[in-house]
Amino acid sequence: MALRVLEKYGSPLLRKRAQPITSIDGNIVSLAQDMRETMHALSGIGLAGNQVGVLLRIIVILHPETRQDLVVLNPEIVAMSAEREIGEEGCLSIPEVYGRVERASRVLVRGIDLGGKDVEIEASGLLARIFQHEIDHLDGVLFVDRLHPAKRLLLSSKLKRIAQGGAS
């Protein structure tokens, strides 16, 4: 097990769509463990494969209530509420940048666990927000893409510095 290097804003890998996982082997289990360790070491609450340079559909999430780690392979949102919530988001790949993002208040997520079993998770509140944020990553979408254009404009110089490898 090892900490993984995070891809930062500007990395082309963050803009690519991750590919489905077709078999669960030791490499996938090790990747999941590395991602969990990396997420915890960086005090994160979610991490997607793209963020550690792996274009596979895997996410790890720290459940905000139970404090248990969730690992979901090939996650997909199969239903979402019409009710929306606006909440502040940040991202380990975009350090020190935060913004208010509108998301569905409830989602139903389907995927596979590390044991190969189908899972279905009903999530609301912060957990629903985390799932939407991480699944966006797997589709090459970043939370800053969902900000109001005026807010993105205000953040443009900070985002440019991050993309160029400088301090935020």
N, C-alpha and C. Protein backbone atom coordinates (compact mmCIF):
# COMPACT_ATOMS: atom_id res chain seq x y z
N MET A 1 0.82 -1.18 0.00
CA MET A 1 0.00 0.00 0.00
C MET A 1 0.87 1.25 0.00
N ALA A 2 0.36 2.24 -0.71
CA ALA A 2 1.18 3.44 -0.86
C ALA A 2 0.29 4.64 -1.12
N LEU A 3 0.81 5.78 -0.74
CA LEU A 3 0.12 7.01 -1.08
C LEU A 3 0.33 7.27 -2.57
N ARG A 4 -0.71 7.73 -3.22
CA ARG A 4 -0.65 8.03 -4.65
C ARG A 4 -0.46 9.53 -4.85
N VAL A 5 0.20 9.89 -5.93
CA VAL A 5 0.36 11.29 -6.31
C VAL A 5 -0.94 11.76 -6.95
N LEU A 6 -1.41 12.92 -6.52
CA LEU A 6 -2.66 13.45 -7.06
C LEU A 6 -2.44 14.24 -8.33
N GLU A 7 -3.32 14.03 -9.29
CA GLU A 7 -3.36 14.87 -10.47
C GLU A 7 -3.97 16.21 -10.05
N LYS A 8 -3.38 17.29 -10.51
CA LYS A 8 -3.87 18.63 -10.17
C LYS A 8 -4.59 19.26 -11.36
N TYR A 9 -5.38 20.28 -11.05
CA TYR A 9 -6.10 21.02 -12.09
C TYR A 9 -5.14 21.34 -13.23
N GLY A 10 -5.56 21.10 -14.44
CA GLY A 10 -4.72 21.30 -15.62
C GLY A 10 -4.23 19.99 -16.20
N SER A 11 -4.26 18.92 -15.40
CA SER A 11 -3.86 17.60 -15.90
C SER A 11 -4.90 17.10 -16.89
N PRO A 12 -4.47 16.65 -18.06
CA PRO A 12 -5.43 16.12 -19.03
C PRO A 12 -6.19 14.89 -18.52
N LEU A 13 -5.62 14.14 -17.58
CA LEU A 13 -6.30 12.96 -17.05
C LEU A 13 -7.59 13.31 -16.31
N LEU A 14 -7.64 14.51 -15.74
CA LEU A 14 -8.85 14.92 -15.02
C LEU A 14 -10.01 15.22 -15.97
N ARG A 15 -9.70 15.36 -17.26
CA ARG A 15 -10.73 15.69 -18.25
C ARG A 15 -11.14 14.48 -19.10
N LYS A 16 -10.56 13.32 -18.80
CA LYS A 16 -10.89 12.12 -19.57
C LYS A 16 -11.96 11.29 -18.85
N ARG A 17 -12.73 10.57 -19.64
CA ARG A 17 -13.73 9.66 -19.09
C ARG A 17 -13.05 8.36 -18.70
N ALA A 18 -13.24 7.94 -17.46
CA ALA A 18 -12.65 6.69 -16.98
C ALA A 18 -13.38 5.49 -17.58
N GLN A 19 -12.65 4.40 -17.72
CA GLN A 19 -13.19 3.18 -18.33
C GLN A 19 -13.73 2.23 -17.25
N PRO A 20 -14.75 1.45 -17.59
CA PRO A 20 -15.30 0.50 -16.63
C PRO A 20 -14.26 -0.55 -16.21
N ILE A 21 -14.40 -1.00 -14.99
CA ILE A 21 -13.57 -2.09 -14.48
C ILE A 21 -14.26 -3.39 -14.89
N THR A 22 -13.52 -4.25 -15.58
CA THR A 22 -14.13 -5.48 -16.10
C THR A 22 -13.84 -6.70 -15.24
N SER A 23 -12.79 -6.64 -14.41
CA SER A 23 -12.54 -7.74 -13.48
C SER A 23 -11.86 -7.19 -12.24
N ILE A 24 -12.15 -7.81 -11.14
CA ILE A 24 -11.57 -7.38 -9.86
C ILE A 24 -10.44 -8.34 -9.51
N ASP A 25 -9.23 -7.79 -9.52
CA ASP A 25 -8.06 -8.59 -9.20
C ASP A 25 -7.25 -7.89 -8.12
N GLY A 26 -6.09 -8.42 -7.84
CA GLY A 26 -5.23 -7.84 -6.81
C GLY A 26 -4.85 -6.40 -7.09
N ASN A 27 -4.68 -6.07 -8.37
CA ASN A 27 -4.33 -4.69 -8.71
C ASN A 27 -5.45 -3.71 -8.34
N ILE A 28 -6.70 -4.11 -8.56
CA ILE A 28 -7.84 -3.26 -8.22
C ILE A 28 -7.96 -3.11 -6.70
N VAL A 29 -7.78 -4.21 -6.00
CA VAL A 29 -7.85 -4.17 -4.53
C VAL A 29 -6.74 -3.27 -3.98
N SER A 30 -5.53 -3.39 -4.53
CA SER A 30 -4.42 -2.54 -4.09
C SER A 30 -4.68 -1.08 -4.43
N LEU A 31 -5.23 -0.82 -5.61
CA LEU A 31 -5.57 0.54 -6.01
C LEU A 31 -6.57 1.14 -5.02
N ALA A 32 -7.60 0.37 -4.68
CA ALA A 32 -8.61 0.86 -3.73
C ALA A 32 -7.97 1.19 -2.39
N GLN A 33 -7.10 0.32 -1.91
CA GLN A 33 -6.44 0.57 -0.62
C GLN A 33 -5.55 1.81 -0.69
N ASP A 34 -4.79 1.95 -1.78
CA ASP A 34 -3.95 3.14 -1.96
C ASP A 34 -4.80 4.40 -1.99
N MET A 35 -5.93 4.33 -2.68
CA MET A 35 -6.81 5.50 -2.77
C MET A 35 -7.39 5.85 -1.40
N ARG A 36 -7.76 4.86 -0.63
CA ARG A 36 -8.28 5.12 0.73
C ARG A 36 -7.20 5.78 1.58
N GLU A 37 -5.99 5.23 1.54
CA GLU A 37 -4.90 5.80 2.33
C GLU A 37 -4.60 7.23 1.89
N THR A 38 -4.59 7.47 0.59
CA THR A 38 -4.31 8.80 0.05
C THR A 38 -5.39 9.78 0.48
N MET A 39 -6.64 9.38 0.36
CA MET A 39 -7.76 10.24 0.76
C MET A 39 -7.62 10.63 2.23
N HIS A 40 -7.35 9.66 3.09
CA HIS A 40 -7.23 9.95 4.52
C HIS A 40 -6.01 10.81 4.82
N ALA A 41 -4.88 10.52 4.17
CA ALA A 41 -3.66 11.29 4.41
C ALA A 41 -3.85 12.77 4.05
N LEU A 42 -4.71 13.03 3.06
CA LEU A 42 -4.95 14.40 2.61
C LEU A 42 -6.21 15.01 3.23
N SER A 43 -6.78 14.30 4.20
CA SER A 43 -8.00 14.75 4.89
C SER A 43 -9.15 15.00 3.92
N GLY A 44 -9.26 14.12 2.91
CA GLY A 44 -10.34 14.23 1.94
C GLY A 44 -11.54 13.41 2.37
N ILE A 45 -12.65 13.59 1.63
CA ILE A 45 -13.85 12.81 1.89
C ILE A 45 -14.27 12.00 0.65
N GLY A 46 -13.51 12.11 -0.42
CA GLY A 46 -13.78 11.35 -1.62
C GLY A 46 -12.61 11.43 -2.58
N LEU A 47 -12.48 10.41 -3.40
CA LEU A 47 -11.40 10.38 -4.38
C LEU A 47 -11.82 9.47 -5.53
N ALA A 48 -11.51 9.90 -6.75
CA ALA A 48 -11.85 9.12 -7.94
C ALA A 48 -10.57 8.67 -8.64
N GLY A 49 -10.68 7.58 -9.39
CA GLY A 49 -9.52 7.02 -10.09
C GLY A 49 -8.73 8.04 -10.87
N ASN A 50 -9.41 8.92 -11.61
CA ASN A 50 -8.72 9.93 -12.42
C ASN A 50 -7.75 10.76 -11.58
N GLN A 51 -8.15 11.02 -10.34
CA GLN A 51 -7.35 11.91 -9.49
C GLN A 51 -6.01 11.31 -9.10
N VAL A 52 -5.90 9.98 -9.19
CA VAL A 52 -4.61 9.34 -8.90
C VAL A 52 -3.98 8.79 -10.19
N GLY A 53 -4.43 9.32 -11.32
CA GLY A 53 -3.82 8.99 -12.60
C GLY A 53 -4.25 7.67 -13.19
N VAL A 54 -5.35 7.11 -12.70
CA VAL A 54 -5.83 5.82 -13.19
C VAL A 54 -7.21 6.02 -13.82
N LEU A 55 -7.30 5.76 -15.11
CA LEU A 55 -8.56 6.00 -15.81
C LEU A 55 -9.49 4.79 -15.74
N LEU A 56 -9.80 4.42 -14.49
CA LEU A 56 -10.75 3.34 -14.21
C LEU A 56 -11.86 3.89 -13.33
N ARG A 57 -13.06 3.33 -13.49
CA ARG A 57 -14.24 3.82 -12.76
C ARG A 57 -14.27 3.24 -11.34
N ILE A 58 -13.53 3.91 -10.47
CA ILE A 58 -13.46 3.54 -9.06
C ILE A 58 -13.50 4.81 -8.23
N ILE A 59 -14.29 4.77 -7.17
CA ILE A 59 -14.32 5.89 -6.23
C ILE A 59 -14.20 5.35 -4.81
N VAL A 60 -13.61 6.15 -3.96
CA VAL A 60 -13.60 5.87 -2.53
C VAL A 60 -14.21 7.09 -1.84
N ILE A 61 -15.01 6.83 -0.84
CA ILE A 61 -15.72 7.89 -0.14
C ILE A 61 -15.67 7.61 1.35
N LEU A 62 -15.46 8.65 2.13
CA LEU A 62 -15.57 8.56 3.58
C LEU A 62 -17.01 8.95 3.92
N HIS A 63 -17.80 7.98 4.38
CA HIS A 63 -19.20 8.25 4.70
C HIS A 63 -19.25 9.31 5.79
N PRO A 64 -19.96 10.42 5.55
CA PRO A 64 -19.94 11.53 6.50
C PRO A 64 -20.59 11.21 7.85
N GLU A 65 -21.45 10.21 7.92
CA GLU A 65 -22.11 9.89 9.19
C GLU A 65 -21.47 8.71 9.89
N THR A 66 -21.24 7.61 9.17
CA THR A 66 -20.70 6.41 9.80
C THR A 66 -19.17 6.46 9.92
N ARG A 67 -18.53 7.34 9.14
CA ARG A 67 -17.07 7.47 9.08
C ARG A 67 -16.42 6.21 8.52
N GLN A 68 -17.20 5.37 7.83
CA GLN A 68 -16.68 4.18 7.17
C GLN A 68 -16.30 4.51 5.74
N ASP A 69 -15.29 3.83 5.22
CA ASP A 69 -14.91 4.01 3.83
C ASP A 69 -15.82 3.19 2.93
N LEU A 70 -16.26 3.81 1.85
CA LEU A 70 -17.03 3.12 0.82
C LEU A 70 -16.16 3.04 -0.43
N VAL A 71 -16.07 1.88 -1.03
CA VAL A 71 -15.38 1.71 -2.31
C VAL A 71 -16.43 1.21 -3.28
N VAL A 72 -16.61 1.96 -4.37
CA VAL A 72 -17.60 1.55 -5.37
C VAL A 72 -16.92 1.52 -6.73
N LEU A 73 -17.04 0.38 -7.40
CA LEU A 73 -16.52 0.21 -8.74
C LEU A 73 -17.66 0.42 -9.73
N ASN A 74 -17.36 1.05 -10.84
CA ASN A 74 -18.34 1.31 -11.90
C ASN A 74 -19.62 1.98 -11.36
N PRO A 75 -19.45 3.01 -10.51
CA PRO A 75 -20.64 3.65 -9.95
C PRO A 75 -21.41 4.42 -11.01
N GLU A 76 -22.73 4.40 -10.87
CA GLU A 76 -23.57 5.21 -11.75
C GLU A 76 -24.77 5.69 -10.96
N ILE A 77 -25.17 6.90 -11.27
CA ILE A 77 -26.37 7.46 -10.65
C ILE A 77 -27.54 7.01 -11.51
N VAL A 78 -28.45 6.24 -10.91
CA VAL A 78 -29.58 5.71 -11.67
C VAL A 78 -30.86 6.50 -11.40
N ALA A 79 -30.87 7.29 -10.35
CA ALA A 79 -32.01 8.16 -10.06
C ALA A 79 -31.53 9.32 -9.20
N MET A 80 -32.16 10.47 -9.42
CA MET A 80 -31.85 11.62 -8.57
C MET A 80 -33.12 12.42 -8.34
N SER A 81 -33.17 13.07 -7.20
CA SER A 81 -34.35 13.84 -6.85
C SER A 81 -34.41 15.12 -7.68
N ALA A 82 -35.63 15.60 -7.87
CA ALA A 82 -35.80 16.90 -8.53
C ALA A 82 -35.41 18.01 -7.56
N GLU A 83 -35.50 17.70 -6.27
CA GLU A 83 -35.12 18.69 -5.25
C GLU A 83 -33.62 18.93 -5.31
N ARG A 84 -33.24 20.20 -5.28
CA ARG A 84 -31.83 20.57 -5.40
C ARG A 84 -31.35 21.26 -4.12
N GLU A 85 -30.05 21.20 -3.91
CA GLU A 85 -29.41 21.89 -2.79
C GLU A 85 -28.15 22.56 -3.31
N ILE A 86 -27.87 23.70 -2.74
CA ILE A 86 -26.62 24.39 -3.06
C ILE A 86 -25.70 24.24 -1.85
N GLY A 87 -24.47 23.81 -2.11
CA GLY A 87 -23.52 23.63 -1.03
C GLY A 87 -22.11 23.91 -1.51
N GLU A 88 -21.25 24.23 -0.55
CA GLU A 88 -19.86 24.54 -0.90
C GLU A 88 -19.09 23.25 -1.15
N GLU A 89 -18.29 23.27 -2.20
CA GLU A 89 -17.45 22.13 -2.54
C GLU A 89 -16.01 22.58 -2.74
N GLY A 90 -15.13 21.65 -2.52
CA GLY A 90 -13.72 21.82 -2.82
C GLY A 90 -13.25 20.51 -3.44
N CYS A 91 -11.97 20.43 -3.74
CA CYS A 91 -11.46 19.22 -4.39
C CYS A 91 -9.97 19.09 -4.11
N LEU A 92 -9.54 17.89 -3.78
CA LEU A 92 -8.12 17.67 -3.51
C LEU A 92 -7.26 17.99 -4.73
N SER A 93 -7.82 17.87 -5.93
CA SER A 93 -7.06 18.16 -7.15
C SER A 93 -7.05 19.64 -7.51
N ILE A 94 -7.83 20.42 -6.77
CA ILE A 94 -7.87 21.88 -7.01
C ILE A 94 -7.72 22.54 -5.64
N PRO A 95 -6.50 22.51 -5.09
CA PRO A 95 -6.30 22.95 -3.71
C PRO A 95 -6.68 24.41 -3.47
N GLU A 96 -7.31 24.62 -2.32
CA GLU A 96 -7.66 25.96 -1.83
C GLU A 96 -8.64 26.71 -2.73
N VAL A 97 -9.41 25.98 -3.53
CA VAL A 97 -10.46 26.58 -4.35
C VAL A 97 -11.78 25.98 -3.89
N TYR A 98 -12.74 26.86 -3.62
CA TYR A 98 -14.04 26.42 -3.14
C TYR A 98 -15.12 27.19 -3.88
N GLY A 99 -16.28 26.58 -4.00
CA GLY A 99 -17.39 27.26 -4.64
C GLY A 99 -18.70 26.58 -4.34
N ARG A 100 -19.76 27.33 -4.47
CA ARG A 100 -21.10 26.81 -4.21
C ARG A 100 -21.65 26.16 -5.48
N VAL A 101 -22.04 24.88 -5.34
CA VAL A 101 -22.49 24.08 -6.47
C VAL A 101 -23.89 23.55 -6.17
N GLU A 102 -24.74 23.62 -7.19
CA GLU A 102 -26.09 23.05 -7.05
C GLU A 102 -26.05 21.59 -7.47
N ARG A 103 -26.63 20.74 -6.62
CA ARG A 103 -26.69 19.29 -6.87
C ARG A 103 -28.05 18.76 -6.45
N ALA A 104 -28.38 17.57 -6.92
CA ALA A 104 -29.58 16.89 -6.44
C ALA A 104 -29.42 16.59 -4.96
N SER A 105 -30.49 16.73 -4.20
CA SER A 105 -30.40 16.49 -2.76
C SER A 105 -30.37 15.00 -2.41
N ARG A 106 -30.88 14.15 -3.32
CA ARG A 106 -30.88 12.70 -3.09
C ARG A 106 -30.52 11.99 -4.39
N VAL A 107 -29.76 10.90 -4.27
CA VAL A 107 -29.41 10.10 -5.44
C VAL A 107 -29.48 8.62 -5.09
N LEU A 108 -29.67 7.81 -6.12
CA LEU A 108 -29.57 6.36 -6.00
C LEU A 108 -28.39 5.95 -6.87
N VAL A 109 -27.40 5.33 -6.25
CA VAL A 109 -26.17 4.94 -6.94
C VAL A 109 -26.09 3.42 -6.99
N ARG A 110 -25.75 2.90 -8.16
CA ARG A 110 -25.50 1.46 -8.32
C ARG A 110 -24.05 1.27 -8.73
N GLY A 111 -23.49 0.17 -8.29
CA GLY A 111 -22.12 -0.17 -8.65
C GLY A 111 -21.80 -1.56 -8.14
N ILE A 112 -20.52 -1.81 -7.95
CA ILE A 112 -20.03 -3.10 -7.50
C ILE A 112 -19.06 -2.86 -6.36
N ASP A 113 -19.08 -3.72 -5.35
CA ASP A 113 -18.10 -3.59 -4.27
C ASP A 113 -16.85 -4.41 -4.62
N LEU A 114 -15.85 -4.34 -3.76
CA LEU A 114 -14.59 -5.04 -4.03
C LEU A 114 -14.75 -6.56 -4.04
N GLY A 115 -15.83 -7.05 -3.45
CA GLY A 115 -16.09 -8.49 -3.46
C GLY A 115 -16.82 -8.93 -4.72
N GLY A 116 -17.13 -7.99 -5.61
CA GLY A 116 -17.81 -8.32 -6.85
C GLY A 116 -19.33 -8.33 -6.74
N LYS A 117 -19.85 -7.93 -5.57
CA LYS A 117 -21.30 -7.92 -5.38
C LYS A 117 -21.89 -6.60 -5.87
N ASP A 118 -23.07 -6.69 -6.47
CA ASP A 118 -23.80 -5.48 -6.84
C ASP A 118 -24.21 -4.74 -5.58
N VAL A 119 -24.07 -3.41 -5.62
CA VAL A 119 -24.50 -2.59 -4.50
C VAL A 119 -25.43 -1.49 -5.01
N GLU A 120 -26.33 -1.10 -4.15
CA GLU A 120 -27.24 0.00 -4.45
C GLU A 120 -27.28 0.86 -3.19
N ILE A 121 -26.95 2.14 -3.35
CA ILE A 121 -26.84 3.03 -2.20
C ILE A 121 -27.77 4.22 -2.41
N GLU A 122 -28.67 4.40 -1.46
CA GLU A 122 -29.49 5.61 -1.45
C GLU A 122 -28.76 6.63 -0.60
N ALA A 123 -28.53 7.80 -1.17
CA ALA A 123 -27.76 8.82 -0.46
C ALA A 123 -28.51 10.15 -0.48
N SER A 124 -28.39 10.87 0.61
CA SER A 124 -28.96 12.21 0.68
C SER A 124 -27.96 13.14 1.34
N GLY A 125 -28.23 14.43 1.25
CA GLY A 125 -27.37 15.41 1.90
C GLY A 125 -25.94 15.36 1.41
N LEU A 126 -25.00 15.42 2.35
CA LEU A 126 -23.59 15.47 1.99
C LEU A 126 -23.14 14.22 1.25
N LEU A 127 -23.63 13.05 1.64
CA LEU A 127 -23.23 11.82 0.95
C LEU A 127 -23.67 11.86 -0.51
N ALA A 128 -24.86 12.36 -0.79
CA ALA A 128 -25.33 12.49 -2.17
C ALA A 128 -24.43 13.44 -2.95
N ARG A 129 -24.03 14.54 -2.31
CA ARG A 129 -23.14 15.52 -2.95
C ARG A 129 -21.79 14.88 -3.28
N ILE A 130 -21.25 14.10 -2.34
CA ILE A 130 -19.95 13.46 -2.57
C ILE A 130 -20.04 12.49 -3.75
N PHE A 131 -21.09 11.67 -3.77
CA PHE A 131 -21.24 10.73 -4.89
C PHE A 131 -21.30 11.48 -6.23
N GLN A 132 -22.08 12.55 -6.30
CA GLN A 132 -22.20 13.30 -7.55
C GLN A 132 -20.86 13.90 -7.96
N HIS A 133 -20.14 14.45 -6.99
CA HIS A 133 -18.83 15.06 -7.26
C HIS A 133 -17.85 14.01 -7.79
N GLU A 134 -17.78 12.85 -7.13
CA GLU A 134 -16.81 11.83 -7.53
C GLU A 134 -17.18 11.17 -8.86
N ILE A 135 -18.45 10.94 -9.09
CA ILE A 135 -18.86 10.35 -10.37
C ILE A 135 -18.63 11.36 -11.50
N ASP A 136 -18.82 12.65 -11.22
CA ASP A 136 -18.44 13.68 -12.20
C ASP A 136 -16.97 13.51 -12.60
N HIS A 137 -16.09 13.30 -11.60
CA HIS A 137 -14.67 13.11 -11.90
C HIS A 137 -14.47 11.99 -12.92
N LEU A 138 -15.19 10.88 -12.73
CA LEU A 138 -15.03 9.74 -13.63
C LEU A 138 -15.47 10.07 -15.05
N ASP A 139 -16.29 11.11 -15.19
CA ASP A 139 -16.75 11.55 -16.51
C ASP A 139 -15.96 12.75 -17.03
N GLY A 140 -14.88 13.12 -16.32
CA GLY A 140 -14.04 14.23 -16.75
C GLY A 140 -14.61 15.60 -16.44
N VAL A 141 -15.53 15.67 -15.49
CA VAL A 141 -16.16 16.93 -15.10
C VAL A 141 -15.66 17.32 -13.72
N LEU A 142 -15.26 18.59 -13.57
CA LEU A 142 -14.78 19.10 -12.29
C LEU A 142 -15.82 20.03 -11.68
N PHE A 143 -15.79 20.16 -10.35
CA PHE A 143 -16.81 20.99 -9.70
C PHE A 143 -16.76 22.44 -10.18
N VAL A 144 -15.58 22.92 -10.58
CA VAL A 144 -15.49 24.31 -11.06
C VAL A 144 -16.26 24.50 -12.37
N ASP A 145 -16.48 23.41 -13.11
CA ASP A 145 -17.28 23.49 -14.34
C ASP A 145 -18.74 23.80 -14.02
N ARG A 146 -19.15 23.51 -12.80
CA ARG A 146 -20.55 23.69 -12.40
C ARG A 146 -20.78 25.01 -11.66
N LEU A 147 -19.74 25.80 -11.51
CA LEU A 147 -19.87 27.11 -10.85
C LEU A 147 -20.49 28.12 -11.79
N HIS A 148 -21.08 29.13 -11.21
CA HIS A 148 -21.61 30.25 -12.00
C HIS A 148 -20.45 30.85 -12.79
N PRO A 149 -20.67 31.23 -14.06
CA PRO A 149 -19.58 31.78 -14.88
C PRO A 149 -18.84 32.96 -14.24
N ALA A 150 -19.55 33.78 -13.51
CA ALA A 150 -18.88 34.93 -12.85
C ALA A 150 -17.92 34.44 -11.78
N LYS A 151 -18.29 33.40 -11.04
CA LYS A 151 -17.42 32.83 -10.02
C LYS A 151 -16.20 32.19 -10.67
N ARG A 152 -16.40 31.48 -11.79
CA ARG A 152 -15.27 30.88 -12.50
C ARG A 152 -14.30 31.96 -12.96
N LEU A 153 -14.85 33.06 -13.44
CA LEU A 153 -14.01 34.17 -13.89
C LEU A 153 -13.19 34.71 -12.72
N LEU A 154 -13.80 34.84 -11.57
CA LEU A 154 -13.09 35.32 -10.38
C LEU A 154 -11.96 34.37 -9.97
N LEU A 155 -12.15 33.09 -10.22
CA LEU A 155 -11.16 32.09 -9.84
C LEU A 155 -10.12 31.82 -10.93
N SER A 156 -10.29 32.42 -12.10
CA SER A 156 -9.47 32.04 -13.26
C SER A 156 -7.97 32.19 -13.02
N SER A 157 -7.53 33.25 -12.36
CA SER A 157 -6.09 33.40 -12.15
C SER A 157 -5.56 32.36 -11.17
N LYS A 158 -6.34 32.04 -10.14
CA LYS A 158 -5.94 31.00 -9.19
C LYS A 158 -5.87 29.64 -9.88
N LEU A 159 -6.87 29.34 -10.71
CA LEU A 159 -6.88 28.07 -11.45
C LEU A 159 -5.71 27.98 -12.42
N LYS A 160 -5.38 29.10 -13.04
CA LYS A 160 -4.24 29.12 -13.96
C LYS A 160 -2.94 28.82 -13.22
N ARG A 161 -2.77 29.39 -12.04
CA ARG A 161 -1.57 29.14 -11.25
C ARG A 161 -1.47 27.66 -10.87
N ILE A 162 -2.59 27.06 -10.48
CA ILE A 162 -2.59 25.64 -10.12
C ILE A 162 -2.22 24.81 -11.36
N ALA A 163 -2.81 25.14 -12.50
CA ALA A 163 -2.54 24.39 -13.73
C ALA A 163 -1.07 24.49 -14.15
N GLN A 164 -0.44 25.60 -13.80
CA GLN A 164 0.97 25.79 -14.15
C GLN A 164 1.91 25.24 -13.08
N GLY A 165 1.32 24.60 -12.07
CA GLY A 165 2.14 23.97 -11.04
C GLY A 165 2.58 24.90 -9.94
N GLY A 166 2.01 26.09 -9.92
CA GLY A 166 2.38 27.05 -8.87
C GLY A 166 1.48 26.94 -7.67
N ALA A 167 1.78 27.74 -6.71
CA ALA A 167 0.95 27.79 -5.51
C ALA A 167 -0.39 28.38 -5.86
N SER A 168 -1.41 27.94 -5.17
CA SER A 168 -2.75 28.46 -5.42
C SER A 168 -2.84 29.84 -4.83
